Amino acid sequence: MAKKKADSDSGAEEESGDFSFNPGRQVELEVEETCCVTGEPVDASFCRFPDYRRGTLMVMSKQEMLKHLRADTSLEAFHEALVKRHGESALEDYSS
Protein backbone atom coordinates (compact mmCIF):
# COMPACT_ATOMS: atom_id res chain seq x y z
CA MET A 1 0.00 0.00 0.00
CA ALA A 2 1.48 3.30 -1.07
CA LYS A 3 1.11 6.17 1.35
CA LYS A 4 2.09 9.78 1.12
CA LYS A 5 2.84 11.57 4.35
CA ALA A 6 2.53 15.34 4.43
CA ASP A 7 4.86 17.62 6.30
CA SER A 8 3.69 17.80 9.93
CA ASP A 9 3.80 21.61 9.84
CA SER A 10 1.31 21.83 6.94
CA GLY A 11 -1.51 20.08 8.84
CA ALA A 12 -2.37 17.87 5.85
CA GLU A 13 -3.66 14.37 6.48
CA GLU A 14 -2.14 11.11 5.30
CA GLU A 15 -3.49 9.86 1.93
CA SER A 16 -3.82 6.25 0.84
CA GLY A 17 -2.98 5.16 -2.68
CA ASP A 18 -4.41 1.65 -2.29
CA PHE A 19 -6.99 1.17 -5.05
CA SER A 20 -7.13 -2.63 -4.85
CA PHE A 21 -10.38 -4.54 -5.40
CA ASN A 22 -11.76 -6.46 -2.42
CA PRO A 23 -14.35 -8.99 -3.70
CA GLY A 24 -15.67 -9.56 -0.18
CA ARG A 25 -16.71 -5.92 0.25
CA GLN A 26 -17.02 -4.56 -3.30
CA VAL A 27 -19.09 -5.65 -6.26
CA GLU A 28 -18.62 -5.00 -9.94
CA LEU A 29 -21.48 -2.86 -11.25
CA GLU A 30 -23.40 -3.90 -14.37
CA VAL A 31 -23.20 -1.45 -17.28
CA GLU A 32 -26.59 -0.07 -18.33
CA GLU A 33 -27.66 -0.48 -21.95
CA THR A 34 -29.44 2.86 -22.43
CA CYS A 35 -28.29 6.46 -22.21
CA CYS A 36 -29.19 7.95 -18.83
CA VAL A 37 -29.95 11.32 -20.49
CA THR A 38 -31.91 10.37 -23.62
CA GLY A 39 -32.97 6.76 -22.97
CA GLU A 40 -31.66 5.62 -26.36
CA PRO A 41 -29.86 2.26 -26.63
CA VAL A 42 -26.06 2.48 -26.28
CA ASP A 43 -23.87 -0.14 -27.97
CA ALA A 44 -20.54 1.10 -26.55
CA SER A 45 -19.93 3.54 -23.75
CA PHE A 46 -16.88 5.49 -22.67
CA CYS A 47 -18.52 7.85 -20.18
CA ARG A 48 -19.77 5.97 -17.11
CA PHE A 49 -20.94 6.90 -13.62
CA PRO A 50 -22.12 4.60 -10.80
CA ASP A 51 -25.73 4.42 -9.68
CA TYR A 52 -25.21 2.69 -6.34
CA ARG A 53 -28.92 2.42 -5.62
CA ARG A 54 -29.53 0.36 -8.77
CA GLY A 55 -26.14 -1.34 -8.66
CA THR A 56 -25.34 -0.25 -12.20
CA LEU A 57 -23.07 2.06 -14.16
CA MET A 58 -24.99 4.77 -15.97
CA VAL A 59 -23.80 5.54 -19.49
CA MET A 60 -24.29 8.27 -22.06
CA SER A 61 -24.77 7.96 -25.80
CA LYS A 62 -21.81 9.10 -27.89
CA GLN A 63 -23.56 12.33 -28.88
CA GLU A 64 -24.47 13.22 -25.27
CA MET A 65 -21.04 12.23 -24.02
CA LEU A 66 -19.28 14.52 -26.51
CA LYS A 67 -21.68 17.38 -25.78
CA HIS A 68 -21.16 17.18 -22.01
CA LEU A 69 -17.42 16.50 -22.09
CA ARG A 70 -16.85 19.52 -24.34
CA ALA A 71 -18.97 21.71 -22.06
CA ASP A 72 -17.38 20.17 -18.92
CA THR A 73 -20.86 19.28 -17.62
CA SER A 74 -20.76 15.47 -17.62
CA LEU A 75 -20.72 15.21 -13.82
CA GLU A 76 -23.70 17.56 -13.56
CA ALA A 77 -25.59 15.51 -16.20
CA PHE A 78 -25.02 12.29 -14.25
CA HIS A 79 -26.09 13.99 -11.00
CA GLU A 80 -29.28 15.23 -12.71
CA ALA A 81 -30.02 11.67 -13.88
CA LEU A 82 -29.54 10.37 -10.33
CA VAL A 83 -31.89 13.01 -8.91
CA LYS A 84 -34.54 12.17 -11.53
CA ARG A 85 -34.26 8.47 -10.66
CA HIS A 86 -34.00 8.60 -6.88
CA GLY A 87 -34.53 12.16 -5.64
CA GLU A 88 -32.05 14.59 -4.05
CA SER A 89 -31.09 12.09 -1.35
CA ALA A 90 -29.26 9.98 -3.98
CA LEU A 91 -26.45 12.54 -4.08
CA GLU A 92 -25.64 11.72 -0.43
CA ASP A 93 -24.15 8.42 -1.67
CA TYR A 94 -21.27 10.36 -3.28
CA SER A 95 -18.41 12.21 -1.60
CA SER A 96 -18.38 15.11 -4.08
C-alpha atoms as a PDB file:
ATOM      1  CA  MET A   1       0.000   0.000   0.000  1.00  0.00           C
ATOM      2  CA  ALA A   2       1.483   3.298  -1.071  1.00  0.00           C
ATOM      3  CA  LYS A   3       1.111   6.169   1.346  1.00  0.00           C
ATOM      4  CA  LYS A   4       2.094   9.784   1.118  1.00  0.00           C
ATOM      5  CA  LYS A   5       2.835  11.570   4.347  1.00  0.00           C
ATOM      6  CA  ALA A   6       2.535  15.345   4.426  1.00  0.00           C
ATOM      7  CA  ASP A   7       4.865  17.618   6.300  1.00  0.00           C
ATOM      8  CA  SER A   8       3.694  17.795   9.935  1.00  0.00           C
ATOM      9  CA  ASP A   9       3.801  21.612   9.835  1.00  0.00           C
ATOM     10  CA  SER A  10       1.306  21.827   6.939  1.00  0.00           C
ATOM     11  CA  GLY A  11      -1.510  20.076   8.844  1.00  0.00           C
ATOM     12  CA  ALA A  12      -2.366  17.871   5.845  1.00  0.00           C
ATOM     13  CA  GLU A  13      -3.657  14.370   6.484  1.00  0.00           C
ATOM     14  CA  GLU A  14      -2.144  11.113   5.301  1.00  0.00           C
ATOM     15  CA  GLU A  15      -3.494   9.861   1.934  1.00  0.00           C
ATOM     16  CA  SER A  16      -3.820   6.250   0.841  1.00  0.00           C
ATOM     17  CA  GLY A  17      -2.984   5.160  -2.680  1.00  0.00           C
ATOM     18  CA  ASP A  18      -4.411   1.652  -2.288  1.00  0.00           C
ATOM     19  CA  PHE A  19      -6.990   1.165  -5.055  1.00  0.00           C
ATOM     20  CA  SER A  20      -7.127  -2.633  -4.851  1.00  0.00           C
ATOM     21  CA  PHE A  21     -10.378  -4.540  -5.402  1.00  0.00           C
ATOM     22  CA  ASN A  22     -11.763  -6.457  -2.417  1.00  0.00           C
ATOM     23  CA  PRO A  23     -14.354  -8.992  -3.701  1.00  0.00           C
ATOM     24  CA  GLY A  24     -15.671  -9.556  -0.178  1.00  0.00           C
ATOM     25  CA  ARG A  25     -16.711  -5.922   0.245  1.00  0.00           C
ATOM     26  CA  GLN A  26     -17.020  -4.561  -3.298  1.00  0.00           C
ATOM     27  CA  VAL A  27     -19.094  -5.651  -6.261  1.00  0.00           C
ATOM     28  CA  GLU A  28     -18.623  -4.995  -9.940  1.00  0.00           C
ATOM     29  CA  LEU A  29     -21.482  -2.855 -11.252  1.00  0.00           C
ATOM     30  CA  GLU A  30     -23.397  -3.903 -14.373  1.00  0.00           C
ATOM     31  CA  VAL A  31     -23.204  -1.454 -17.280  1.00  0.00           C
ATOM     32  CA  GLU A  32     -26.594  -0.069 -18.329  1.00  0.00           C
ATOM     33  CA  GLU A  33     -27.663  -0.484 -21.948  1.00  0.00           C
ATOM     34  CA  THR A  34     -29.439   2.857 -22.434  1.00  0.00           C
ATOM     35  CA  CYS A  35     -28.288   6.461 -22.210  1.00  0.00           C
ATOM     36  CA  CYS A  36     -29.194   7.947 -18.827  1.00  0.00           C
ATOM     37  CA  VAL A  37     -29.947  11.320 -20.490  1.00  0.00           C
ATOM     38  CA  THR A  38     -31.911  10.369 -23.620  1.00  0.00           C
ATOM     39  CA  GLY A  39     -32.974   6.762 -22.975  1.00  0.00           C
ATOM     40  CA  GLU A  40     -31.661   5.618 -26.359  1.00  0.00           C
ATOM     41  CA  PRO A  41     -29.857   2.259 -26.630  1.00  0.00           C
ATOM     42  CA  VAL A  42     -26.064   2.477 -26.278  1.00  0.00           C
ATOM     43  CA  ASP A  43     -23.867  -0.142 -27.973  1.00  0.00           C
ATOM     44  CA  ALA A  44     -20.538   1.103 -26.555  1.00  0.00           C
ATOM     45  CA  SER A  45     -19.925   3.545 -23.754  1.00  0.00           C
ATOM     46  CA  PHE A  46     -16.885   5.493 -22.668  1.00  0.00           C
ATOM     47  CA  CYS A  47     -18.521   7.848 -20.182  1.00  0.00           C
ATOM     48  CA  ARG A  48     -19.772   5.974 -17.108  1.00  0.00           C
ATOM     49  CA  PHE A  49     -20.938   6.897 -13.617  1.00  0.00           C
ATOM     50  CA  PRO A  50     -22.119   4.595 -10.800  1.00  0.00           C
ATOM     51  CA  ASP A  51     -25.733   4.422  -9.677  1.00  0.00           C
ATOM     52  CA  TYR A  52     -25.206   2.690  -6.336  1.00  0.00           C
ATOM     53  CA  ARG A  53     -28.921   2.416  -5.620  1.00  0.00           C
ATOM     54  CA  ARG A  54     -29.534   0.357  -8.773  1.00  0.00           C
ATOM     55  CA  GLY A  55     -26.145  -1.342  -8.657  1.00  0.00           C
ATOM     56  CA  THR A  56     -25.344  -0.252 -12.204  1.00  0.00           C
ATOM     57  CA  LEU A  57     -23.075   2.055 -14.162  1.00  0.00           C
ATOM     58  CA  MET A  58     -24.988   4.771 -15.968  1.00  0.00           C
ATOM     59  CA  VAL A  59     -23.802   5.539 -19.492  1.00  0.00           C
ATOM     60  CA  MET A  60     -24.295   8.274 -22.064  1.00  0.00           C
ATOM     61  CA  SER A  61     -24.773   7.965 -25.797  1.00  0.00           C
ATOM     62  CA  LYS A  62     -21.809   9.097 -27.892  1.00  0.00           C
ATOM     63  CA  GLN A  63     -23.564  12.332 -28.879  1.00  0.00           C
ATOM     64  CA  GLU A  64     -24.475  13.217 -25.266  1.00  0.00           C
ATOM     65  CA  MET A  65     -21.039  12.227 -24.021  1.00  0.00           C
ATOM     66  CA  LEU A  66     -19.282  14.517 -26.511  1.00  0.00           C
ATOM     67  CA  LYS A  67     -21.676  17.382 -25.783  1.00  0.00           C
ATOM     68  CA  HIS A  68     -21.162  17.180 -22.012  1.00  0.00           C
ATOM     69  CA  LEU A  69     -17.420  16.499 -22.088  1.00  0.00           C
ATOM     70  CA  ARG A  70     -16.853  19.522 -24.342  1.00  0.00           C
ATOM     71  CA  ALA A  71     -18.965  21.709 -22.062  1.00  0.00           C
ATOM     72  CA  ASP A  72     -17.379  20.174 -18.923  1.00  0.00           C
ATOM     73  CA  THR A  73     -20.857  19.282 -17.622  1.00  0.00           C
ATOM     74  CA  SER A  74     -20.759  15.471 -17.620  1.00  0.00           C
ATOM     75  CA  LEU A  75     -20.717  15.214 -13.821  1.00  0.00           C
ATOM     76  CA  GLU A  76     -23.704  17.560 -13.561  1.00  0.00           C
ATOM     77  CA  ALA A  77     -25.585  15.510 -16.200  1.00  0.00           C
ATOM     78  CA  PHE A  78     -25.018  12.294 -14.245  1.00  0.00           C
ATOM     79  CA  HIS A  79     -26.089  13.992 -11.004  1.00  0.00           C
ATOM     80  CA  GLU A  80     -29.278  15.226 -12.714  1.00  0.00           C
ATOM     81  CA  ALA A  81     -30.016  11.666 -13.877  1.00  0.00           C
ATOM     82  CA  LEU A  82     -29.539  10.366 -10.328  1.00  0.00           C
ATOM     83  CA  VAL A  83     -31.893  13.013  -8.912  1.00  0.00           C
ATOM     84  CA  LYS A  84     -34.541  12.165 -11.531  1.00  0.00           C
ATOM     85  CA  ARG A  85     -34.261   8.468 -10.659  1.00  0.00           C
ATOM     86  CA  HIS A  86     -33.999   8.596  -6.883  1.00  0.00           C
ATOM     87  CA  GLY A  87     -34.527  12.164  -5.641  1.00  0.00           C
ATOM     88  CA  GLU A  88     -32.054  14.593  -4.051  1.00  0.00           C
ATOM     89  CA  SER A  89     -31.086  12.092  -1.347  1.00  0.00           C
ATOM     90  CA  ALA A  90     -29.258   9.985  -3.978  1.00  0.00           C
ATOM     91  CA  LEU A  91     -26.446  12.539  -4.077  1.00  0.00           C
ATOM     92  CA  GLU A  92     -25.641  11.721  -0.431  1.00  0.00           C
ATOM     93  CA  ASP A  93     -24.148   8.424  -1.673  1.00  0.00           C
ATOM     94  CA  TYR A  94     -21.267  10.361  -3.277  1.00  0.00           C
ATOM     95  CA  SER A  95     -18.413  12.210  -1.603  1.00  0.00           C
ATOM     96  CA  SER A  96     -18.378  15.111  -4.079  1.00  0.00           C
END
